[in-house]
Every structure is written in structure tokens, then in C-alpha cells.
């Protein structure tokens, strides 16, 4: 057992898309309750806002939306944040490695947004 005698519970909070005021209010309420980490929303503006709050409070922030901007270009995601999706430059490098390994001239990438 990693955490003996510790019970973790999920606290699910819904916020309207791109409503940063409500996102901030509900994030602060969660922090007051003593949450140990926050999974971010899919909305870009709310996600960036919550990431800023969790970084300042040193609370882990798990981003669940695909961020098409490279972290190498825009800077670090913060000392306490990470994204479940691979960085775009890492992903493109993997595609290039596959193309070179299999001597492919073209590829088609299917994805769902």
C-alpha cells in the first residue's frame, strides 16, 4: 500500500466554458477544502487561469486538454503542472522518426477533436 489509512475522494466541479471568474471562485473553494491536485477543464482560458492559481499555491495541476502550442516555445508549463497529452514538438519528432525508420514518403494522421 502506497498510502495506508489514507482515503482519497474525487470532488467534481463543473464550470461554464470560458468563465474564468467562476473557474477562479470554484478553484479557490476547492483549495480551501484542502484538495491535493486539480484536473483542469478543456477551456483554454479557464485552464490557463486555473494553472496560474495552482502554480502560485504549489498544487499539482493536471491539464487534460491538448495544448497545440509547444512548451519549448511558450515556456514551462509551471513547476506543478503537466499535460496528459504529449508536447507537439515531441509528437512531431516521433512522427518523423517513424517515417525515417520505415522509409515512408507520406503519412496521413487521423484525429478527433
N, C-alpha and C. Protein backbone atom coordinates (compact mmCIF):
# COMPACT_ATOMS: atom_id res chain seq x y z
N UNK A 1 0.83 -1.19 0.00
CA UNK A 1 0.00 0.00 0.00
C UNK A 1 0.87 1.25 0.00
N UNK A 2 0.56 2.13 -0.92
CA UNK A 2 1.33 3.37 -1.01
C UNK A 2 0.91 4.36 0.08
N UNK A 3 -0.39 4.50 0.28
CA UNK A 3 -0.90 5.44 1.28
C UNK A 3 -1.80 4.70 2.29
N UNK A 4 -1.20 3.97 3.21
CA UNK A 4 -2.03 3.23 4.16
C UNK A 4 -2.85 4.19 5.02
N UNK A 5 -4.09 3.80 5.24
CA UNK A 5 -5.01 4.57 6.07
C UNK A 5 -5.33 5.96 5.52
N UNK A 6 -5.10 6.16 4.22
CA UNK A 6 -5.44 7.43 3.58
C UNK A 6 -6.51 7.16 2.55
N UNK A 7 -7.59 7.91 2.63
CA UNK A 7 -8.68 7.75 1.67
C UNK A 7 -8.76 9.00 0.79
N UNK A 8 -8.61 8.80 -0.51
CA UNK A 8 -8.71 9.91 -1.45
C UNK A 8 -10.10 9.91 -2.07
N UNK A 9 -10.71 11.08 -2.15
CA UNK A 9 -12.03 11.22 -2.74
C UNK A 9 -11.98 12.26 -3.85
N UNK A 10 -12.72 12.00 -4.91
CA UNK A 10 -12.82 12.95 -6.01
C UNK A 10 -13.88 13.99 -5.70
N UNK A 11 -13.57 15.22 -5.99
CA UNK A 11 -14.53 16.32 -5.85
C UNK A 11 -14.73 16.88 -7.26
N UNK A 12 -15.88 16.59 -7.86
CA UNK A 12 -16.13 17.00 -9.24
C UNK A 12 -16.88 18.33 -9.24
N UNK A 13 -16.30 19.30 -9.95
CA UNK A 13 -16.87 20.63 -10.04
C UNK A 13 -17.00 20.98 -11.51
N UNK A 14 -18.18 21.42 -11.93
CA UNK A 14 -18.41 21.84 -13.31
C UNK A 14 -18.41 23.36 -13.39
N UNK A 15 -17.75 23.87 -14.42
CA UNK A 15 -17.75 25.32 -14.64
C UNK A 15 -18.18 25.59 -16.08
N UNK A 16 -18.85 26.73 -16.31
CA UNK A 16 -19.21 27.07 -17.68
C UNK A 16 -17.95 27.33 -18.52
N UNK A 17 -18.00 26.96 -19.79
CA UNK A 17 -16.84 27.13 -20.67
C UNK A 17 -16.43 28.60 -20.76
N UNK A 18 -15.15 28.85 -20.64
CA UNK A 18 -14.54 30.18 -20.75
C UNK A 18 -15.04 31.18 -19.70
N UNK A 19 -15.53 30.70 -18.58
CA UNK A 19 -15.96 31.58 -17.49
C UNK A 19 -14.85 31.59 -16.43
N UNK A 20 -13.87 32.45 -16.61
CA UNK A 20 -12.71 32.45 -15.73
C UNK A 20 -13.04 32.91 -14.31
N UNK A 21 -14.05 33.78 -14.18
CA UNK A 21 -14.45 34.22 -12.84
C UNK A 21 -14.97 33.05 -12.01
N UNK A 22 -15.88 32.27 -12.60
CA UNK A 22 -16.42 31.09 -11.90
C UNK A 22 -15.32 30.06 -11.68
N UNK A 23 -14.44 29.89 -12.67
CA UNK A 23 -13.32 28.94 -12.54
C UNK A 23 -12.44 29.32 -11.35
N UNK A 24 -12.13 30.61 -11.23
CA UNK A 24 -11.30 31.07 -10.11
C UNK A 24 -12.02 30.85 -8.78
N UNK A 25 -13.28 31.22 -8.72
CA UNK A 25 -14.05 31.08 -7.49
C UNK A 25 -14.11 29.62 -7.03
N UNK A 26 -14.42 28.73 -7.96
CA UNK A 26 -14.54 27.32 -7.61
C UNK A 26 -13.18 26.69 -7.30
N UNK A 27 -12.13 27.14 -7.97
CA UNK A 27 -10.78 26.64 -7.68
C UNK A 27 -10.37 27.04 -6.26
N UNK A 28 -10.61 28.29 -5.91
CA UNK A 28 -10.28 28.75 -4.55
C UNK A 28 -11.08 27.99 -3.51
N UNK A 29 -12.34 27.71 -3.81
CA UNK A 29 -13.18 26.94 -2.88
C UNK A 29 -12.59 25.53 -2.68
N UNK A 30 -12.13 24.92 -3.78
CA UNK A 30 -11.51 23.59 -3.68
C UNK A 30 -10.23 23.65 -2.85
N UNK A 31 -9.44 24.69 -3.04
CA UNK A 31 -8.20 24.83 -2.27
C UNK A 31 -8.49 25.01 -0.78
N UNK A 32 -9.55 25.75 -0.47
CA UNK A 32 -9.95 25.92 0.93
C UNK A 32 -10.34 24.59 1.56
N UNK A 33 -10.90 23.68 0.75
CA UNK A 33 -11.31 22.36 1.25
C UNK A 33 -10.12 21.42 1.41
N UNK A 34 -8.94 21.81 0.89
CA UNK A 34 -7.74 21.01 1.08
C UNK A 34 -7.45 20.00 -0.01
N UNK A 35 -7.88 20.27 -1.25
CA UNK A 35 -7.58 19.32 -2.33
C UNK A 35 -6.07 19.21 -2.52
N UNK A 36 -5.64 18.05 -3.02
CA UNK A 36 -4.21 17.81 -3.19
C UNK A 36 -3.77 17.94 -4.65
N UNK A 37 -4.73 18.01 -5.59
CA UNK A 37 -4.42 18.19 -7.01
C UNK A 37 -5.70 18.59 -7.73
N UNK A 38 -5.54 19.21 -8.90
CA UNK A 38 -6.69 19.63 -9.69
C UNK A 38 -6.50 19.18 -11.13
N UNK A 39 -7.54 18.56 -11.69
CA UNK A 39 -7.60 18.24 -13.11
C UNK A 39 -8.25 19.43 -13.79
N UNK A 40 -7.60 19.95 -14.83
CA UNK A 40 -8.09 21.16 -15.47
C UNK A 40 -9.21 20.95 -16.45
N UNK A 41 -9.92 22.05 -16.76
CA UNK A 41 -11.00 22.00 -17.74
C UNK A 41 -10.48 22.00 -19.17
N UNK A 42 -11.36 21.77 -20.12
CA UNK A 42 -10.98 21.76 -21.53
C UNK A 42 -10.89 23.17 -22.11
N UNK A 43 -11.51 24.14 -21.49
CA UNK A 43 -11.48 25.52 -21.97
C UNK A 43 -10.09 26.11 -21.80
N UNK A 44 -9.56 26.72 -22.88
CA UNK A 44 -8.21 27.28 -22.83
C UNK A 44 -8.08 28.39 -21.79
N UNK A 45 -9.00 29.35 -21.81
CA UNK A 45 -8.87 30.49 -20.90
C UNK A 45 -9.02 30.05 -19.44
N UNK A 46 -9.98 29.20 -19.16
CA UNK A 46 -10.15 28.73 -17.78
C UNK A 46 -8.97 27.87 -17.35
N UNK A 47 -8.46 27.06 -18.27
CA UNK A 47 -7.32 26.20 -17.96
C UNK A 47 -6.09 27.03 -17.60
N UNK A 48 -5.81 28.04 -18.40
CA UNK A 48 -4.65 28.91 -18.12
C UNK A 48 -4.81 29.62 -16.78
N UNK A 49 -6.01 30.06 -16.49
CA UNK A 49 -6.29 30.77 -15.24
C UNK A 49 -6.10 29.85 -14.04
N UNK A 50 -6.66 28.65 -14.11
CA UNK A 50 -6.52 27.70 -13.01
C UNK A 50 -5.06 27.29 -12.84
N UNK A 51 -4.35 27.11 -13.95
CA UNK A 51 -2.92 26.75 -13.87
C UNK A 51 -2.13 27.82 -13.12
N UNK A 52 -2.45 29.07 -13.35
CA UNK A 52 -1.78 30.16 -12.65
C UNK A 52 -2.04 30.10 -11.14
N UNK A 53 -3.27 29.83 -10.77
CA UNK A 53 -3.63 29.73 -9.35
C UNK A 53 -2.91 28.55 -8.69
N UNK A 54 -2.96 27.39 -9.33
CA UNK A 54 -2.34 26.20 -8.72
C UNK A 54 -0.82 26.33 -8.65
N UNK A 55 -0.21 26.98 -9.65
CA UNK A 55 1.23 27.21 -9.58
C UNK A 55 1.59 28.08 -8.38
N UNK A 56 0.82 29.13 -8.16
CA UNK A 56 1.13 30.03 -7.04
C UNK A 56 0.89 29.35 -5.69
N UNK A 57 -0.04 28.39 -5.65
CA UNK A 57 -0.32 27.67 -4.41
C UNK A 57 0.47 26.36 -4.29
N UNK A 58 1.28 26.06 -5.31
CA UNK A 58 2.11 24.85 -5.33
C UNK A 58 1.27 23.58 -5.21
N UNK A 59 0.16 23.56 -5.96
CA UNK A 59 -0.74 22.41 -6.02
C UNK A 59 -0.61 21.79 -7.40
N UNK A 60 -0.45 20.48 -7.52
CA UNK A 60 -0.36 19.86 -8.84
C UNK A 60 -1.59 20.14 -9.70
N UNK A 61 -1.34 20.48 -10.96
CA UNK A 61 -2.40 20.76 -11.93
C UNK A 61 -2.22 19.82 -13.11
N UNK A 62 -3.23 19.01 -13.39
CA UNK A 62 -3.16 18.04 -14.49
C UNK A 62 -4.05 18.56 -15.61
N UNK A 63 -3.41 18.95 -16.70
CA UNK A 63 -4.15 19.50 -17.84
C UNK A 63 -4.62 18.36 -18.72
N UNK A 64 -5.92 18.35 -19.02
CA UNK A 64 -6.49 17.25 -19.79
C UNK A 64 -6.81 17.65 -21.23
N UNK A 65 -6.57 18.90 -21.58
CA UNK A 65 -6.83 19.33 -22.97
C UNK A 65 -5.54 19.28 -23.75
N UNK A 66 -5.66 19.04 -25.06
CA UNK A 66 -4.47 19.04 -25.90
C UNK A 66 -4.06 20.48 -26.14
N UNK A 67 -2.83 20.81 -25.79
CA UNK A 67 -2.31 22.15 -25.98
C UNK A 67 -1.43 22.13 -27.23
N UNK A 68 -1.92 22.75 -28.30
CA UNK A 68 -1.21 22.71 -29.58
C UNK A 68 0.03 23.60 -29.59
N UNK A 69 0.19 24.46 -28.60
CA UNK A 69 1.39 25.31 -28.54
C UNK A 69 2.52 24.55 -27.85
N UNK A 70 3.69 24.61 -28.43
CA UNK A 70 4.83 23.90 -27.86
C UNK A 70 5.28 24.56 -26.57
N UNK A 71 5.52 23.75 -25.54
CA UNK A 71 6.04 24.28 -24.28
C UNK A 71 7.45 24.82 -24.46
N UNK A 72 8.17 24.33 -25.47
CA UNK A 72 9.52 24.84 -25.74
C UNK A 72 9.46 26.26 -26.28
N UNK A 73 8.34 26.61 -26.91
CA UNK A 73 8.18 27.95 -27.47
C UNK A 73 7.59 28.91 -26.45
N UNK A 74 6.55 28.48 -25.72
CA UNK A 74 5.87 29.39 -24.80
C UNK A 74 6.44 29.34 -23.39
N UNK A 75 7.36 28.43 -23.12
CA UNK A 75 7.96 28.35 -21.80
C UNK A 75 7.40 27.20 -20.99
N UNK A 76 7.88 27.06 -19.81
CA UNK A 76 7.49 25.95 -18.94
C UNK A 76 6.01 25.99 -18.61
N UNK A 77 5.43 24.83 -18.43
CA UNK A 77 4.02 24.73 -18.04
C UNK A 77 3.84 25.08 -16.57
N UNK A 78 4.90 25.32 -15.88
CA UNK A 78 4.83 25.60 -14.45
C UNK A 78 5.42 24.45 -13.68
N UNK A 79 5.94 24.74 -12.53
CA UNK A 79 6.59 23.71 -11.74
C UNK A 79 5.65 22.64 -11.21
N UNK A 80 4.35 22.92 -11.23
CA UNK A 80 3.39 21.99 -10.64
C UNK A 80 2.35 21.52 -11.63
N UNK A 81 2.57 21.78 -12.93
CA UNK A 81 1.58 21.41 -13.95
C UNK A 81 2.17 20.44 -14.96
N UNK A 82 1.31 19.54 -15.45
CA UNK A 82 1.71 18.70 -16.57
C UNK A 82 0.48 18.37 -17.39
N UNK A 83 0.71 18.03 -18.64
CA UNK A 83 -0.37 17.73 -19.57
C UNK A 83 -0.36 16.24 -19.87
N UNK A 84 -1.55 15.66 -19.95
CA UNK A 84 -1.65 14.23 -20.25
C UNK A 84 -1.35 13.93 -21.71
N UNK A 85 -1.37 14.96 -22.55
CA UNK A 85 -1.06 14.79 -23.97
C UNK A 85 0.40 15.14 -24.21
N UNK A 86 1.05 14.50 -25.19
CA UNK A 86 2.46 14.82 -25.45
C UNK A 86 2.63 16.21 -26.04
N UNK A 87 3.75 16.83 -25.77
CA UNK A 87 4.09 18.13 -26.34
C UNK A 87 4.13 18.00 -27.86
N UNK A 88 3.67 19.02 -28.57
CA UNK A 88 3.57 18.96 -30.03
C UNK A 88 4.94 18.73 -30.70
N UNK A 89 6.01 19.30 -30.17
CA UNK A 89 7.32 19.07 -30.78
C UNK A 89 7.80 17.64 -30.55
N UNK A 90 7.48 17.07 -29.41
CA UNK A 90 7.82 15.67 -29.14
C UNK A 90 7.03 14.75 -30.05
N UNK A 91 5.76 15.04 -30.22
CA UNK A 91 4.90 14.23 -31.08
C UNK A 91 5.36 14.30 -32.54
N UNK A 92 5.68 15.49 -33.01
CA UNK A 92 6.13 15.61 -34.40
C UNK A 92 7.47 14.92 -34.60
N UNK A 93 8.33 14.94 -33.61
CA UNK A 93 9.61 14.24 -33.70
C UNK A 93 9.39 12.73 -33.79
N UNK A 94 8.41 12.22 -33.05
CA UNK A 94 8.09 10.79 -33.10
C UNK A 94 7.56 10.41 -34.48
N UNK A 95 6.71 11.26 -35.06
CA UNK A 95 6.21 11.01 -36.42
C UNK A 95 7.37 10.96 -37.42
N UNK A 96 8.28 11.90 -37.30
CA UNK A 96 9.43 11.94 -38.20
C UNK A 96 10.31 10.69 -38.04
N UNK A 97 10.52 10.27 -36.81
CA UNK A 97 11.31 9.05 -36.57
C UNK A 97 10.66 7.83 -37.22
N UNK A 98 9.35 7.72 -37.12
CA UNK A 98 8.63 6.61 -37.77
C UNK A 98 8.78 6.66 -39.29
N UNK A 99 8.63 7.85 -39.84
CA UNK A 99 8.75 8.00 -41.30
C UNK A 99 10.13 7.58 -41.79
N UNK A 100 11.14 8.00 -41.04
CA UNK A 100 12.52 7.66 -41.43
C UNK A 100 12.78 6.17 -41.24
N UNK A 101 12.31 5.59 -40.15
CA UNK A 101 12.56 4.18 -39.87
C UNK A 101 11.91 3.26 -40.91
N UNK A 102 10.72 3.63 -41.36
CA UNK A 102 10.00 2.80 -42.33
C UNK A 102 10.14 3.29 -43.78
N UNK A 103 10.95 4.32 -43.96
CA UNK A 103 11.20 4.91 -45.29
C UNK A 103 9.90 5.35 -45.97
N UNK A 104 9.00 5.93 -45.17
CA UNK A 104 7.75 6.43 -45.72
C UNK A 104 7.98 7.80 -46.33
N UNK A 105 7.31 8.08 -47.41
CA UNK A 105 7.41 9.40 -48.06
C UNK A 105 6.27 10.32 -47.61
N UNK A 106 5.10 9.72 -47.31
CA UNK A 106 3.95 10.50 -46.83
C UNK A 106 3.24 9.70 -45.74
N UNK A 107 2.49 10.42 -44.92
CA UNK A 107 1.65 9.78 -43.91
C UNK A 107 0.32 10.53 -43.84
N UNK A 108 -0.67 9.90 -43.29
CA UNK A 108 -1.96 10.53 -43.01
C UNK A 108 -2.23 10.36 -41.53
N UNK A 109 -2.56 11.45 -40.86
CA UNK A 109 -2.83 11.41 -39.43
C UNK A 109 -4.32 11.69 -39.24
N UNK A 110 -5.01 10.76 -38.62
CA UNK A 110 -6.43 10.93 -38.28
C UNK A 110 -6.54 11.24 -36.80
N UNK A 111 -7.32 12.23 -36.47
CA UNK A 111 -7.51 12.57 -35.07
C UNK A 111 -8.92 13.06 -34.86
N UNK A 112 -9.34 13.06 -33.59
CA UNK A 112 -10.66 13.55 -33.24
C UNK A 112 -10.49 14.69 -32.26
N UNK A 113 -11.13 15.79 -32.55
CA UNK A 113 -11.03 16.97 -31.68
C UNK A 113 -12.11 16.94 -30.63
